[in-house]
């Protein structure tokens, strides 16, 4: 083992500390989100700043069921999920379903985001930061949160072992909310 003042030991210590801070940061942001997110309680507010310059606030969508989905163009599972959500939204739009797409892409990827958004039946915007207010740091994607007609959190995506939407899961989770 190298002496504690050697460059090799120092680099190892730095790497070990960096890994610890990374793990603590993920745990802290998850704990913060857990404190703010309670299924059945009022959903924390979100505002989507769309690619076409509009702002859509979840608080303005009371009376509708809202799926807030977080994704990125470089995320394969996201790219599979987005068309499914788009088609589901089109089928259930008249029943009061809204989907808001928050892209984690950076502004330099805007052309790619616009290309994906052009094929979707719901509004999309850049998140602008890895943090989504009381929802915490978005560290895993895809992840979605569902808000019921009364503005309560109905689905906390952080608590889903398999958070990507499937047709079966949408039918089981969202369709009953549309009936309320």
N, C-alpha and C. Protein backbone atom coordinates (compact mmCIF):
# COMPACT_ATOMS: atom_id res chain seq x y z
N UNK A 1 0.84 -1.18 0.00
CA UNK A 1 0.00 0.00 0.00
C UNK A 1 0.88 1.24 0.00
N UNK A 2 0.58 2.23 -0.87
CA UNK A 2 1.41 3.43 -0.93
C UNK A 2 1.24 4.27 0.34
N UNK A 3 2.27 5.04 0.69
CA UNK A 3 2.14 5.93 1.84
C UNK A 3 0.98 6.90 1.63
N UNK A 4 0.38 7.37 2.71
CA UNK A 4 -0.81 8.21 2.61
C UNK A 4 -0.57 9.54 1.91
N UNK A 5 0.69 9.97 1.83
CA UNK A 5 0.94 11.25 1.16
C UNK A 5 1.36 11.07 -0.30
N UNK A 6 1.33 9.84 -0.81
CA UNK A 6 1.71 9.62 -2.21
C UNK A 6 0.58 10.05 -3.14
N UNK A 7 0.90 10.43 -4.39
CA UNK A 7 -0.13 10.82 -5.36
C UNK A 7 -1.14 9.72 -5.61
N UNK A 8 -0.69 8.45 -5.60
CA UNK A 8 -1.60 7.33 -5.86
C UNK A 8 -2.66 7.24 -4.76
N UNK A 9 -2.23 7.35 -3.50
CA UNK A 9 -3.19 7.31 -2.40
C UNK A 9 -4.15 8.49 -2.48
N UNK A 10 -3.63 9.66 -2.83
CA UNK A 10 -4.48 10.84 -2.93
C UNK A 10 -5.54 10.66 -4.01
N UNK A 11 -5.16 10.14 -5.16
CA UNK A 11 -6.14 9.91 -6.24
C UNK A 11 -7.19 8.90 -5.81
N UNK A 12 -6.76 7.84 -5.15
CA UNK A 12 -7.71 6.83 -4.67
C UNK A 12 -8.69 7.46 -3.69
N UNK A 13 -8.16 8.26 -2.76
CA UNK A 13 -9.02 8.92 -1.78
C UNK A 13 -10.01 9.84 -2.47
N UNK A 14 -9.54 10.60 -3.45
CA UNK A 14 -10.44 11.50 -4.18
C UNK A 14 -11.54 10.72 -4.89
N UNK A 15 -11.18 9.62 -5.54
CA UNK A 15 -12.19 8.80 -6.23
C UNK A 15 -13.19 8.22 -5.24
N UNK A 16 -12.69 7.74 -4.11
CA UNK A 16 -13.58 7.17 -3.09
C UNK A 16 -14.53 8.24 -2.57
N UNK A 17 -14.01 9.44 -2.29
CA UNK A 17 -14.86 10.53 -1.79
C UNK A 17 -15.85 10.98 -2.86
N UNK A 18 -15.42 11.05 -4.10
CA UNK A 18 -16.34 11.44 -5.18
C UNK A 18 -17.48 10.45 -5.30
N UNK A 19 -17.15 9.17 -5.22
CA UNK A 19 -18.21 8.14 -5.29
C UNK A 19 -19.17 8.27 -4.12
N UNK A 20 -18.65 8.53 -2.94
CA UNK A 20 -19.50 8.69 -1.76
C UNK A 20 -20.42 9.89 -1.91
N UNK A 21 -19.88 11.02 -2.38
CA UNK A 21 -20.70 12.22 -2.57
C UNK A 21 -21.77 11.98 -3.62
N UNK A 22 -21.44 11.27 -4.69
CA UNK A 22 -22.43 10.96 -5.72
C UNK A 22 -23.57 10.15 -5.14
N UNK A 23 -23.23 9.11 -4.38
CA UNK A 23 -24.27 8.28 -3.76
C UNK A 23 -25.09 9.08 -2.76
N UNK A 24 -24.42 9.90 -1.95
CA UNK A 24 -25.15 10.72 -0.99
C UNK A 24 -26.06 11.72 -1.68
N UNK A 25 -25.59 12.30 -2.79
CA UNK A 25 -26.42 13.25 -3.54
C UNK A 25 -27.68 12.60 -4.08
N UNK A 26 -27.55 11.41 -4.65
CA UNK A 26 -28.72 10.69 -5.17
C UNK A 26 -29.67 10.34 -4.03
N UNK A 27 -29.12 9.89 -2.91
CA UNK A 27 -29.96 9.55 -1.77
C UNK A 27 -30.65 10.78 -1.21
N UNK A 28 -29.92 11.89 -1.12
CA UNK A 28 -30.51 13.12 -0.57
C UNK A 28 -31.61 13.63 -1.47
N UNK A 29 -31.40 13.63 -2.80
CA UNK A 29 -32.45 14.14 -3.68
C UNK A 29 -33.64 13.21 -3.66
N UNK A 30 -33.40 11.90 -3.53
CA UNK A 30 -34.51 10.95 -3.43
C UNK A 30 -35.26 11.16 -2.13
N UNK A 31 -34.53 11.39 -1.04
CA UNK A 31 -35.18 11.63 0.25
C UNK A 31 -35.99 12.91 0.20
N UNK A 32 -35.44 13.95 -0.45
CA UNK A 32 -36.17 15.21 -0.58
C UNK A 32 -37.47 14.99 -1.34
N UNK A 33 -37.40 14.26 -2.45
CA UNK A 33 -38.59 13.99 -3.24
C UNK A 33 -39.58 13.17 -2.44
N UNK A 34 -39.08 12.18 -1.67
CA UNK A 34 -39.97 11.36 -0.86
C UNK A 34 -40.73 12.19 0.16
N UNK A 35 -40.05 13.21 0.74
CA UNK A 35 -40.72 14.06 1.71
C UNK A 35 -41.83 14.88 1.07
N UNK A 36 -41.62 15.31 -0.16
CA UNK A 36 -42.59 16.19 -0.83
C UNK A 36 -43.66 15.42 -1.59
N UNK A 37 -43.37 14.19 -1.96
CA UNK A 37 -44.29 13.41 -2.79
C UNK A 37 -45.00 12.35 -1.96
N UNK A 38 -46.29 12.52 -1.85
CA UNK A 38 -47.10 11.53 -1.16
C UNK A 38 -48.33 11.26 -2.01
N UNK A 39 -48.48 10.02 -2.43
CA UNK A 39 -49.65 9.65 -3.20
C UNK A 39 -50.89 9.97 -2.37
N UNK A 40 -51.86 10.63 -2.99
CA UNK A 40 -53.08 11.03 -2.31
C UNK A 40 -53.03 12.45 -1.77
N UNK A 41 -51.83 13.03 -1.70
CA UNK A 41 -51.67 14.42 -1.24
C UNK A 41 -51.59 15.34 -2.46
N UNK A 42 -51.78 16.64 -2.26
CA UNK A 42 -51.66 17.56 -3.40
C UNK A 42 -50.31 17.38 -4.11
N UNK A 43 -50.37 17.30 -5.42
CA UNK A 43 -49.15 17.14 -6.22
C UNK A 43 -48.38 18.46 -6.22
N UNK A 44 -47.07 18.40 -6.05
CA UNK A 44 -46.29 19.64 -6.16
C UNK A 44 -46.47 20.24 -7.56
N UNK A 45 -46.43 21.55 -7.66
CA UNK A 45 -46.63 22.20 -8.96
C UNK A 45 -45.48 21.94 -9.93
N UNK A 46 -45.83 21.88 -11.19
CA UNK A 46 -44.86 21.79 -12.28
C UNK A 46 -45.31 22.76 -13.35
N UNK A 47 -44.36 23.36 -14.04
CA UNK A 47 -44.67 24.22 -15.18
C UNK A 47 -43.82 23.76 -16.35
N UNK A 48 -44.49 23.43 -17.45
CA UNK A 48 -43.81 23.06 -18.68
C UNK A 48 -43.69 24.31 -19.54
N UNK A 49 -42.46 24.66 -19.91
CA UNK A 49 -42.21 25.75 -20.84
C UNK A 49 -42.00 25.08 -22.20
N UNK A 50 -43.03 25.15 -23.03
CA UNK A 50 -43.05 24.38 -24.27
C UNK A 50 -42.09 24.93 -25.32
N UNK A 51 -41.81 24.10 -26.29
CA UNK A 51 -40.91 24.49 -27.37
C UNK A 51 -41.47 25.65 -28.19
N UNK A 52 -42.80 25.81 -28.18
CA UNK A 52 -43.40 26.91 -28.93
C UNK A 52 -43.67 28.15 -28.07
N UNK A 53 -43.08 28.18 -26.86
CA UNK A 53 -43.12 29.39 -26.05
C UNK A 53 -44.27 29.51 -25.07
N UNK A 54 -45.11 28.50 -24.95
CA UNK A 54 -46.20 28.56 -23.96
C UNK A 54 -45.71 28.05 -22.62
N UNK A 55 -46.44 28.38 -21.57
CA UNK A 55 -46.19 27.82 -20.24
C UNK A 55 -47.47 27.13 -19.80
N UNK A 56 -47.34 25.87 -19.41
CA UNK A 56 -48.49 25.09 -18.97
C UNK A 56 -48.21 24.64 -17.55
N UNK A 57 -49.02 25.12 -16.61
CA UNK A 57 -48.86 24.78 -15.20
C UNK A 57 -49.84 23.68 -14.83
N UNK A 58 -49.36 22.72 -14.06
CA UNK A 58 -50.26 21.63 -13.64
C UNK A 58 -51.42 22.18 -12.82
N UNK A 59 -51.22 23.24 -12.08
CA UNK A 59 -52.31 23.79 -11.27
C UNK A 59 -53.44 24.33 -12.16
N UNK A 60 -53.12 24.68 -13.42
CA UNK A 60 -54.14 25.15 -14.35
C UNK A 60 -54.89 24.01 -15.02
N UNK A 61 -54.49 22.77 -14.73
CA UNK A 61 -55.11 21.60 -15.36
C UNK A 61 -56.01 20.84 -14.39
N UNK A 62 -56.41 21.48 -13.30
CA UNK A 62 -57.34 20.83 -12.37
C UNK A 62 -58.58 20.39 -13.14
N UNK A 63 -59.09 19.22 -12.81
CA UNK A 63 -60.23 18.67 -13.53
C UNK A 63 -59.78 17.71 -14.62
N UNK A 64 -58.48 17.65 -14.89
CA UNK A 64 -57.92 16.73 -15.87
C UNK A 64 -56.96 15.77 -15.17
N UNK A 65 -56.74 14.64 -15.79
CA UNK A 65 -55.71 13.71 -15.33
C UNK A 65 -54.45 14.08 -16.11
N UNK A 66 -53.34 14.26 -15.40
CA UNK A 66 -52.10 14.72 -16.02
C UNK A 66 -50.98 13.70 -15.79
N UNK A 67 -50.33 13.32 -16.88
CA UNK A 67 -49.10 12.53 -16.78
C UNK A 67 -47.95 13.47 -17.12
N UNK A 68 -47.05 13.66 -16.17
CA UNK A 68 -45.83 14.43 -16.42
C UNK A 68 -44.72 13.41 -16.63
N UNK A 69 -44.19 13.38 -17.85
CA UNK A 69 -43.17 12.39 -18.16
C UNK A 69 -41.83 13.08 -18.43
N UNK A 70 -40.78 12.48 -17.90
CA UNK A 70 -39.42 13.01 -18.05
C UNK A 70 -38.65 12.04 -18.93
N UNK A 71 -38.00 12.58 -19.97
CA UNK A 71 -37.38 11.75 -20.99
C UNK A 71 -36.21 12.49 -21.63
N UNK A 72 -35.52 11.80 -22.54
CA UNK A 72 -34.44 12.43 -23.32
C UNK A 72 -34.33 11.71 -24.66
N UNK A 73 -33.84 12.42 -25.65
CA UNK A 73 -33.72 11.83 -27.00
C UNK A 73 -32.71 10.70 -27.02
N UNK A 74 -31.74 10.70 -26.14
CA UNK A 74 -30.70 9.67 -26.11
C UNK A 74 -31.10 8.45 -25.29
N UNK A 75 -32.29 8.44 -24.73
CA UNK A 75 -32.78 7.35 -23.87
C UNK A 75 -33.65 6.40 -24.70
N UNK A 76 -33.14 5.19 -24.95
CA UNK A 76 -33.87 4.20 -25.74
C UNK A 76 -35.24 3.87 -25.18
N UNK A 77 -35.37 3.52 -23.89
CA UNK A 77 -36.70 3.23 -23.33
C UNK A 77 -37.66 4.42 -23.44
N UNK A 78 -37.12 5.63 -23.34
CA UNK A 78 -37.96 6.83 -23.49
C UNK A 78 -38.52 6.90 -24.90
N UNK A 79 -37.68 6.67 -25.88
CA UNK A 79 -38.09 6.76 -27.28
C UNK A 79 -39.14 5.71 -27.61
N UNK A 80 -39.14 4.58 -26.90
CA UNK A 80 -40.17 3.55 -27.08
C UNK A 80 -41.47 3.97 -26.40
N UNK A 81 -41.35 4.61 -25.25
CA UNK A 81 -42.51 4.98 -24.45
C UNK A 81 -43.29 6.17 -25.03
N UNK A 82 -42.58 7.14 -25.61
CA UNK A 82 -43.22 8.37 -26.07
C UNK A 82 -44.35 8.14 -27.09
N UNK A 83 -44.17 7.31 -28.13
CA UNK A 83 -45.28 7.09 -29.07
C UNK A 83 -46.48 6.41 -28.40
N UNK A 84 -46.20 5.54 -27.43
CA UNK A 84 -47.27 4.88 -26.69
C UNK A 84 -48.08 5.91 -25.90
N UNK A 85 -47.38 6.80 -25.20
CA UNK A 85 -48.07 7.86 -24.45
C UNK A 85 -48.84 8.79 -25.38
N UNK A 86 -48.27 9.09 -26.53
CA UNK A 86 -48.92 9.97 -27.49
C UNK A 86 -50.23 9.37 -27.99
N UNK A 87 -50.18 8.11 -28.38
CA UNK A 87 -51.39 7.44 -28.87
C UNK A 87 -52.43 7.31 -27.76
N UNK A 88 -51.98 7.01 -26.55
CA UNK A 88 -52.90 6.88 -25.41
C UNK A 88 -53.56 8.23 -25.12
N UNK A 89 -52.78 9.29 -25.19
CA UNK A 89 -53.33 10.62 -24.96
C UNK A 89 -54.38 10.97 -26.01
N UNK A 90 -54.12 10.63 -27.26
CA UNK A 90 -55.09 10.91 -28.33
C UNK A 90 -56.39 10.14 -28.10
N UNK A 91 -56.29 8.88 -27.68
CA UNK A 91 -57.49 8.06 -27.44
C UNK A 91 -58.30 8.58 -26.25
N UNK A 92 -57.64 9.19 -25.28
CA UNK A 92 -58.32 9.57 -24.03
C UNK A 92 -58.38 11.07 -23.80
N UNK A 93 -58.04 11.83 -24.81
CA UNK A 93 -58.06 13.29 -24.69
C UNK A 93 -59.45 13.81 -24.33
N UNK A 94 -60.49 13.28 -24.96
CA UNK A 94 -61.86 13.73 -24.69
C UNK A 94 -62.30 13.41 -23.27
N UNK A 95 -61.64 12.45 -22.63
CA UNK A 95 -61.96 12.11 -21.25
C UNK A 95 -61.17 12.96 -20.26
N UNK A 96 -60.35 13.88 -20.77
CA UNK A 96 -59.63 14.79 -19.89
C UNK A 96 -58.21 14.38 -19.56
N UNK A 97 -57.55 13.65 -20.44
CA UNK A 97 -56.16 13.27 -20.21
C UNK A 97 -55.22 14.29 -20.85
N UNK A 98 -54.24 14.71 -20.08
CA UNK A 98 -53.17 15.57 -20.59
C UNK A 98 -51.84 14.89 -20.30
N UNK A 99 -50.91 15.03 -21.21
CA UNK A 99 -49.55 14.55 -21.02
C UNK A 99 -48.62 15.74 -21.24
N UNK A 100 -47.67 15.91 -20.35
CA UNK A 100 -46.67 16.97 -20.46
C UNK A 100 -45.30 16.30 -20.54
N UNK A 101 -44.55 16.60 -21.58
CA UNK A 101 -43.25 15.97 -21.80
C UNK A 101 -42.09 16.89 -21.46
N UNK A 102 -41.35 16.54 -20.43
CA UNK A 102 -40.19 17.31 -19.98
C UNK A 102 -38.92 16.63 -20.47
N UNK A 103 -38.25 17.23 -21.44
CA UNK A 103 -37.03 16.66 -21.99
C UNK A 103 -35.83 17.10 -21.16
N UNK A 104 -34.97 16.15 -20.84
CA UNK A 104 -33.74 16.45 -20.12
C UNK A 104 -32.58 16.80 -21.04
N UNK A 105 -32.86 16.88 -22.33
CA UNK A 105 -31.82 17.24 -23.28
C UNK A 105 -31.35 18.67 -23.04
N UNK A 106 -30.14 18.95 -23.50
CA UNK A 106 -29.57 20.29 -23.37
C UNK A 106 -29.99 21.14 -24.57
N UNK A 107 -29.92 22.45 -24.45
CA UNK A 107 -30.33 23.32 -25.55
C UNK A 107 -29.63 23.02 -26.88
N UNK A 108 -28.39 22.53 -26.84
CA UNK A 108 -27.70 22.23 -28.10
C UNK A 108 -28.32 21.02 -28.82
N UNK A 109 -29.19 20.27 -28.13
CA UNK A 109 -29.90 19.14 -28.74
C UNK A 109 -31.30 19.52 -29.19
N UNK A 110 -31.61 20.80 -29.18
CA UNK A 110 -32.95 21.26 -29.50
C UNK A 110 -33.47 20.74 -30.85
N UNK A 111 -32.67 20.69 -31.91
CA UNK A 111 -33.19 20.14 -33.17
C UNK A 111 -33.68 18.69 -33.03
N UNK A 112 -32.96 17.89 -32.27
CA UNK A 112 -33.38 16.50 -32.05
C UNK A 112 -34.66 16.44 -31.22
N UNK A 113 -34.75 17.29 -30.21
CA UNK A 113 -35.95 17.34 -29.37
C UNK A 113 -37.15 17.76 -30.22
N UNK A 114 -36.97 18.77 -31.06
CA UNK A 114 -38.06 19.22 -31.93
C UNK A 114 -38.50 18.10 -32.89
N UNK A 115 -37.55 17.33 -33.41
CA UNK A 115 -37.89 16.23 -34.33
C UNK A 115 -38.74 15.18 -33.62
N UNK A 116 -38.39 14.86 -32.38
CA UNK A 116 -39.19 13.89 -31.62
C UNK A 116 -40.55 14.49 -31.29
N UNK A 117 -40.56 15.73 -30.81
CA UNK A 117 -41.80 16.39 -30.40
C UNK A 117 -42.79 16.52 -31.56
N UNK A 118 -42.29 16.67 -32.78
CA UNK A 118 -43.17 16.84 -33.94
C UNK A 118 -44.05 15.61 -34.17
N UNK A 119 -43.63 14.47 -33.65
CA UNK A 119 -44.40 13.23 -33.83
C UNK A 119 -45.28 12.91 -32.63
N UNK A 120 -45.35 13.81 -31.66
CA UNK A 120 -46.11 13.55 -30.44
C UNK A 120 -47.37 14.41 -30.38
N UNK A 121 -48.39 13.87 -29.73
CA UNK A 121 -49.67 14.56 -29.60
C UNK A 121 -49.79 15.26 -28.25
N UNK A 122 -48.66 15.61 -27.68
CA UNK A 122 -48.69 16.36 -26.42
C UNK A 122 -47.54 17.35 -26.41
N UNK A 123 -47.66 18.39 -25.58
CA UNK A 123 -46.63 19.43 -25.56
C UNK A 123 -45.34 18.95 -24.90
N UNK A 124 -44.24 19.48 -25.41
CA UNK A 124 -42.90 19.12 -24.95
C UNK A 124 -42.12 20.40 -24.68
N UNK A 125 -41.25 20.34 -23.70
CA UNK A 125 -40.34 21.44 -23.41
C UNK A 125 -39.06 20.91 -22.80
N UNK A 126 -38.04 21.73 -22.79
CA UNK A 126 -36.78 21.36 -22.13
C UNK A 126 -36.92 21.63 -20.64
N UNK A 127 -36.49 20.68 -19.83
CA UNK A 127 -36.56 20.87 -18.38
C UNK A 127 -35.62 21.99 -17.95
N UNK A 128 -34.45 22.05 -18.54
CA UNK A 128 -33.52 23.14 -18.24
C UNK A 128 -32.58 22.86 -17.09
N UNK A 129 -32.86 21.84 -16.31
CA UNK A 129 -32.03 21.47 -15.16
C UNK A 129 -32.38 20.04 -14.81
N UNK A 130 -31.50 19.38 -14.08
CA UNK A 130 -31.81 18.01 -13.65
C UNK A 130 -32.80 18.00 -12.50
N UNK A 131 -33.12 19.18 -11.97
CA UNK A 131 -34.03 19.26 -10.83
C UNK A 131 -35.42 19.70 -11.27
N UNK A 132 -36.41 19.03 -10.74
CA UNK A 132 -37.80 19.35 -11.07
C UNK A 132 -38.55 19.70 -9.79
N UNK A 133 -38.08 20.74 -9.12
CA UNK A 133 -38.75 21.21 -7.91
C UNK A 133 -38.88 20.12 -6.87
N UNK A 134 -40.06 19.99 -6.30
CA UNK A 134 -40.31 19.01 -5.24
C UNK A 134 -40.25 17.57 -5.75
N UNK A 135 -40.19 17.37 -7.05
CA UNK A 135 -40.05 16.02 -7.60
C UNK A 135 -38.61 15.53 -7.50
N UNK A 136 -37.72 16.44 -7.15
CA UNK A 136 -36.33 16.08 -6.92
C UNK A 136 -35.49 16.12 -8.17
N UNK A 137 -34.30 15.56 -8.03
CA UNK A 137 -33.36 15.47 -9.15
C UNK A 137 -33.80 14.30 -10.03
N UNK A 138 -33.97 14.58 -11.31
CA UNK A 138 -34.38 13.52 -12.24
C UNK A 138 -33.11 12.75 -12.60
N UNK A 139 -32.94 11.62 -11.98
CA UNK A 139 -31.72 10.84 -12.14
C UNK A 139 -31.96 9.52 -12.87
N UNK A 140 -33.21 9.17 -13.09
CA UNK A 140 -33.56 7.94 -13.79
C UNK A 140 -34.66 8.28 -14.79
N UNK A 141 -34.48 7.87 -16.02
CA UNK A 141 -35.52 8.09 -17.02
C UNK A 141 -35.73 6.81 -17.82
N UNK A 142 -36.89 6.60 -18.37
CA UNK A 142 -38.06 7.48 -18.20
C UNK A 142 -38.61 7.37 -16.78
N UNK A 143 -39.19 8.45 -16.32
CA UNK A 143 -39.92 8.47 -15.07
C UNK A 143 -41.10 9.42 -15.26
N UNK A 144 -42.24 9.02 -14.72
CA UNK A 144 -43.46 9.82 -14.86
C UNK A 144 -44.17 9.94 -13.52
N UNK A 145 -44.94 11.00 -13.42
CA UNK A 145 -45.78 11.24 -12.25
C UNK A 145 -47.18 11.52 -12.77
N UNK A 146 -48.18 10.96 -12.13
CA UNK A 146 -49.55 11.14 -12.58
C UNK A 146 -50.33 11.88 -11.50
N UNK A 147 -51.10 12.87 -11.95
CA UNK A 147 -51.89 13.74 -11.07
C UNK A 147 -53.36 13.51 -11.42
N UNK A 148 -54.19 13.29 -10.39
CA UNK A 148 -55.61 13.04 -10.64
C UNK A 148 -56.38 14.34 -10.88
N UNK A 149 -57.65 14.22 -11.14
CA UNK A 149 -58.48 15.38 -11.47
C UNK A 149 -58.56 16.42 -10.35
N UNK A 150 -58.36 15.98 -9.12
CA UNK A 150 -58.41 16.89 -7.97
C UNK A 150 -57.04 17.51 -7.66
N UNK A 151 -56.04 17.21 -8.47
CA UNK A 151 -54.71 17.77 -8.26
C UNK A 151 -53.87 17.00 -7.26
N UNK A 152 -54.28 15.76 -6.96
CA UNK A 152 -53.52 14.93 -6.03
C UNK A 152 -52.57 14.01 -6.80
N UNK A 153 -51.45 13.73 -6.19
CA UNK A 153 -50.51 12.80 -6.79
C UNK A 153 -51.11 11.41 -6.76
N UNK A 154 -51.27 10.80 -7.92
CA UNK A 154 -51.85 9.46 -8.02
C UNK A 154 -50.78 8.40 -8.26
N UNK A 155 -49.70 8.76 -8.94
CA UNK A 155 -48.61 7.83 -9.21
C UNK A 155 -47.28 8.57 -8.99
N UNK A 156 -46.47 8.02 -8.09
CA UNK A 156 -45.13 8.55 -7.83
C UNK A 156 -44.15 7.65 -8.56
N UNK A 157 -43.62 8.14 -9.67
CA UNK A 157 -42.72 7.35 -10.50
C UNK A 157 -41.47 6.86 -9.80
N UNK A 158 -41.05 7.54 -8.74
CA UNK A 158 -39.86 7.08 -8.02
C UNK A 158 -40.09 5.75 -7.35
N UNK A 159 -41.34 5.43 -7.04
CA UNK A 159 -41.64 4.20 -6.32
C UNK A 159 -41.96 3.02 -7.23
N UNK A 160 -41.86 3.21 -8.53
CA UNK A 160 -42.14 2.12 -9.47
C UNK A 160 -40.86 1.36 -9.79
N UNK A 161 -40.90 0.04 -9.59
CA UNK A 161 -39.74 -0.79 -9.93
C UNK A 161 -39.49 -0.76 -11.43
N UNK A 162 -40.55 -0.72 -12.23
CA UNK A 162 -40.46 -0.66 -13.70
C UNK A 162 -41.28 0.55 -14.15
N UNK A 163 -40.66 1.73 -14.14
CA UNK A 163 -41.42 2.97 -14.34
C UNK A 163 -41.88 3.25 -15.77
N UNK A 164 -41.36 2.56 -16.76
CA UNK A 164 -41.79 2.84 -18.14
C UNK A 164 -43.24 2.42 -18.32
N UNK A 165 -43.98 3.25 -19.04
CA UNK A 165 -45.37 2.94 -19.31
C UNK A 165 -45.46 1.82 -20.35
N UNK A 166 -46.44 0.95 -20.15
CA UNK A 166 -46.82 -0.07 -21.12
C UNK A 166 -48.32 0.09 -21.34
N UNK A 167 -48.85 -0.48 -22.39
CA UNK A 167 -50.30 -0.41 -22.62
C UNK A 167 -51.06 -0.98 -21.43
N UNK A 168 -50.59 -2.11 -20.94
CA UNK A 168 -51.26 -2.76 -19.80
C UNK A 168 -51.25 -1.86 -18.57
N UNK A 169 -50.10 -1.26 -18.29
CA UNK A 169 -49.99 -0.40 -17.11
C UNK A 169 -50.85 0.85 -17.26
N UNK A 170 -50.88 1.45 -18.44
CA UNK A 170 -51.75 2.61 -18.66
C UNK A 170 -53.21 2.25 -18.43
N UNK A 171 -53.64 1.09 -18.92
CA UNK A 171 -55.02 0.65 -18.72
C UNK A 171 -55.32 0.45 -17.24
N UNK A 172 -54.39 -0.16 -16.54
CA UNK A 172 -54.59 -0.49 -15.13
C UNK A 172 -54.53 0.75 -14.23
N UNK A 173 -53.63 1.67 -14.53
CA UNK A 173 -53.39 2.80 -13.63
C UNK A 173 -54.15 4.07 -14.02
N UNK A 174 -54.13 4.43 -15.30
CA UNK A 174 -54.66 5.73 -15.72
C UNK A 174 -56.15 5.68 -16.07
N UNK A 175 -56.59 4.64 -16.73
CA UNK A 175 -58.00 4.58 -17.15
C UNK A 175 -58.96 4.71 -15.96
N UNK A 176 -58.69 4.06 -14.82
CA UNK A 176 -59.60 4.28 -13.68
C UNK A 176 -59.65 5.74 -13.21
N UNK A 177 -58.54 6.46 -13.32
CA UNK A 177 -58.53 7.86 -12.94
C UNK A 177 -59.39 8.70 -13.87
N UNK A 178 -59.47 8.28 -15.13
CA UNK A 178 -60.29 9.01 -16.11
C UNK A 178 -61.77 8.79 -15.86
N UNK A 179 -62.10 7.72 -15.16
CA UNK A 179 -63.51 7.40 -14.87
C UNK A 179 -64.02 8.17 -13.66
N UNK A 180 -63.09 8.65 -12.84
CA UNK A 180 -63.50 9.37 -11.60
C UNK A 180 -64.14 10.69 -11.90
